[in-house]
Amino acid sequence: MKNLECDKFCANNMEVKNIGRKRMKEIKKDVDCGNRTIRVVLQFPDESEDAVMIQKFVKSILMMELEEQLKGVF
């Protein structure tokens, strides 16, 4: 896989939303990658114990999805 370096985030937005009975944090970031911009949106529970537990799963899901997306590009 080709190593792709992206510029630092050009936008950073975090807000807390009430979804049903749960409070969720939502983080939106735009990342400039060459001639394209990729928007990343993450939603996770606004409770530290849930967030810590989910952190490992989110990282692995993002890495797998990124690899799949880049297969078609390079």
C-alpha atoms as a PDB file:
ATOM      1  CA  MET A   1       0.000   0.000   0.000  1.00  0.00           C
ATOM      2  CA  LYS A   2       1.297   3.434  -0.931  1.00  0.00           C
ATOM      3  CA  ASN A   3       2.044   5.739   1.997  1.00  0.00           C
ATOM      4  CA  LEU A   4      -0.344   8.695   1.870  1.00  0.00           C
ATOM      5  CA  GLU A   5       0.339  11.805   3.902  1.00  0.00           C
ATOM      6  CA  CYS A   6      -2.494  14.193   4.565  1.00  0.00           C
ATOM      7  CA  ASP A   7      -2.361  17.794   5.631  1.00  0.00           C
ATOM      8  CA  LYS A   8      -3.477  18.561   9.143  1.00  0.00           C
ATOM      9  CA  PHE A   9      -7.174  18.931   9.778  1.00  0.00           C
ATOM     10  CA  CYS A  10      -8.724  21.920   8.056  1.00  0.00           C
ATOM     11  CA  ALA A  11     -11.858  21.808  10.220  1.00  0.00           C
ATOM     12  CA  ASN A  12     -12.604  20.494  13.680  1.00  0.00           C
ATOM     13  CA  ASN A  13     -16.078  20.445  15.161  1.00  0.00           C
ATOM     14  CA  MET A  14     -17.253  18.670  18.311  1.00  0.00           C
ATOM     15  CA  GLU A  15     -20.725  18.781  19.780  1.00  0.00           C
ATOM     16  CA  VAL A  16     -22.821  16.772  22.207  1.00  0.00           C
ATOM     17  CA  LYS A  17     -26.179  15.494  20.956  1.00  0.00           C
ATOM     18  CA  ASN A  18     -29.027  13.762  22.721  1.00  0.00           C
ATOM     19  CA  ILE A  19     -29.974  10.690  20.694  1.00  0.00           C
ATOM     20  CA  GLY A  20     -32.857   8.923  22.357  1.00  0.00           C
ATOM     21  CA  ARG A  21     -31.887   8.501  25.990  1.00  0.00           C
ATOM     22  CA  LYS A  22     -28.138   8.591  25.325  1.00  0.00           C
ATOM     23  CA  ARG A  23     -25.864  11.598  25.141  1.00  0.00           C
ATOM     24  CA  MET A  24     -23.495  11.207  22.216  1.00  0.00           C
ATOM     25  CA  LYS A  25     -20.390  13.179  21.320  1.00  0.00           C
ATOM     26  CA  GLU A  26     -20.016  13.863  17.631  1.00  0.00           C
ATOM     27  CA  ILE A  27     -16.696  14.887  16.143  1.00  0.00           C
ATOM     28  CA  LYS A  28     -16.483  16.065  12.533  1.00  0.00           C
ATOM     29  CA  LYS A  29     -13.129  16.635  10.862  1.00  0.00           C
ATOM     30  CA  ASP A  30     -12.217  17.482   7.284  1.00  0.00           C
ATOM     31  CA  VAL A  31      -8.825  16.178   6.186  1.00  0.00           C
ATOM     32  CA  ASP A  32      -7.086  17.461   3.040  1.00  0.00           C
ATOM     33  CA  CYS A  33      -5.443  14.605   1.125  1.00  0.00           C
ATOM     34  CA  GLY A  34      -3.765  15.906  -1.997  1.00  0.00           C
ATOM     35  CA  ASN A  35      -6.511  17.175  -4.283  1.00  0.00           C
ATOM     36  CA  ARG A  36      -9.331  15.664  -2.195  1.00  0.00           C
ATOM     37  CA  THR A  37     -10.961  16.390   1.136  1.00  0.00           C
ATOM     38  CA  ILE A  38     -12.181  13.527   3.297  1.00  0.00           C
ATOM     39  CA  ARG A  39     -14.777  14.184   6.010  1.00  0.00           C
ATOM     40  CA  VAL A  40     -14.541  11.997   9.112  1.00  0.00           C
ATOM     41  CA  VAL A  41     -17.561  11.865  11.441  1.00  0.00           C
ATOM     42  CA  LEU A  42     -17.369   9.973  14.729  1.00  0.00           C
ATOM     43  CA  GLN A  43     -20.177   9.476  17.228  1.00  0.00           C
ATOM     44  CA  PHE A  44     -19.584   7.852  20.585  1.00  0.00           C
ATOM     45  CA  PRO A  45     -21.216   7.733  24.027  1.00  0.00           C
ATOM     46  CA  ASP A  46     -20.537  10.710  26.273  1.00  0.00           C
ATOM     47  CA  GLU A  47     -19.512   8.431  29.148  1.00  0.00           C
ATOM     48  CA  SER A  48     -15.840   7.763  29.784  1.00  0.00           C
ATOM     49  CA  GLU A  49     -16.100   4.040  30.575  1.00  0.00           C
ATOM     50  CA  ASP A  50     -18.029   3.380  27.354  1.00  0.00           C
ATOM     51  CA  ALA A  51     -15.665   5.562  25.325  1.00  0.00           C
ATOM     52  CA  VAL A  52     -12.565   3.749  26.601  1.00  0.00           C
ATOM     53  CA  MET A  53     -14.072   0.352  25.816  1.00  0.00           C
ATOM     54  CA  ILE A  54     -15.089   1.416  22.309  1.00  0.00           C
ATOM     55  CA  GLN A  55     -11.772   3.109  21.440  1.00  0.00           C
ATOM     56  CA  LYS A  56      -9.986  -0.109  20.379  1.00  0.00           C
ATOM     57  CA  PHE A  57     -12.901  -1.267  18.247  1.00  0.00           C
ATOM     58  CA  VAL A  58     -13.207   2.080  16.487  1.00  0.00           C
ATOM     59  CA  LYS A  59      -9.507   2.133  15.640  1.00  0.00           C
ATOM     60  CA  SER A  60      -9.586  -1.337  14.079  1.00  0.00           C
ATOM     61  CA  ILE A  61     -12.774  -0.571  12.110  1.00  0.00           C
ATOM     62  CA  LEU A  62     -11.299   2.668  10.757  1.00  0.00           C
ATOM     63  CA  MET A  63      -8.038   1.011   9.746  1.00  0.00           C
ATOM     64  CA  MET A  64      -9.839  -1.801   7.901  1.00  0.00           C
ATOM     65  CA  GLU A  65     -12.167   0.628   6.114  1.00  0.00           C
ATOM     66  CA  LEU A  66      -9.304   2.933   5.143  1.00  0.00           C
ATOM     67  CA  GLU A  67      -7.372   0.011   3.649  1.00  0.00           C
ATOM     68  CA  GLU A  68     -10.452  -1.025   1.645  1.00  0.00           C
ATOM     69  CA  GLN A  69     -11.020   2.508   0.361  1.00  0.00           C
ATOM     70  CA  LEU A  70      -7.373   2.951  -0.638  1.00  0.00           C
ATOM     71  CA  LYS A  71      -7.289  -0.335  -2.579  1.00  0.00           C
ATOM     72  CA  GLY A  72      -9.420   1.242  -5.291  1.00  0.00           C
ATOM     73  CA  VAL A  73      -7.399   4.471  -5.390  1.00  0.00           C
ATOM     74  CA  PHE A  74      -3.824   3.178  -5.646  1.00  0.00           C
END
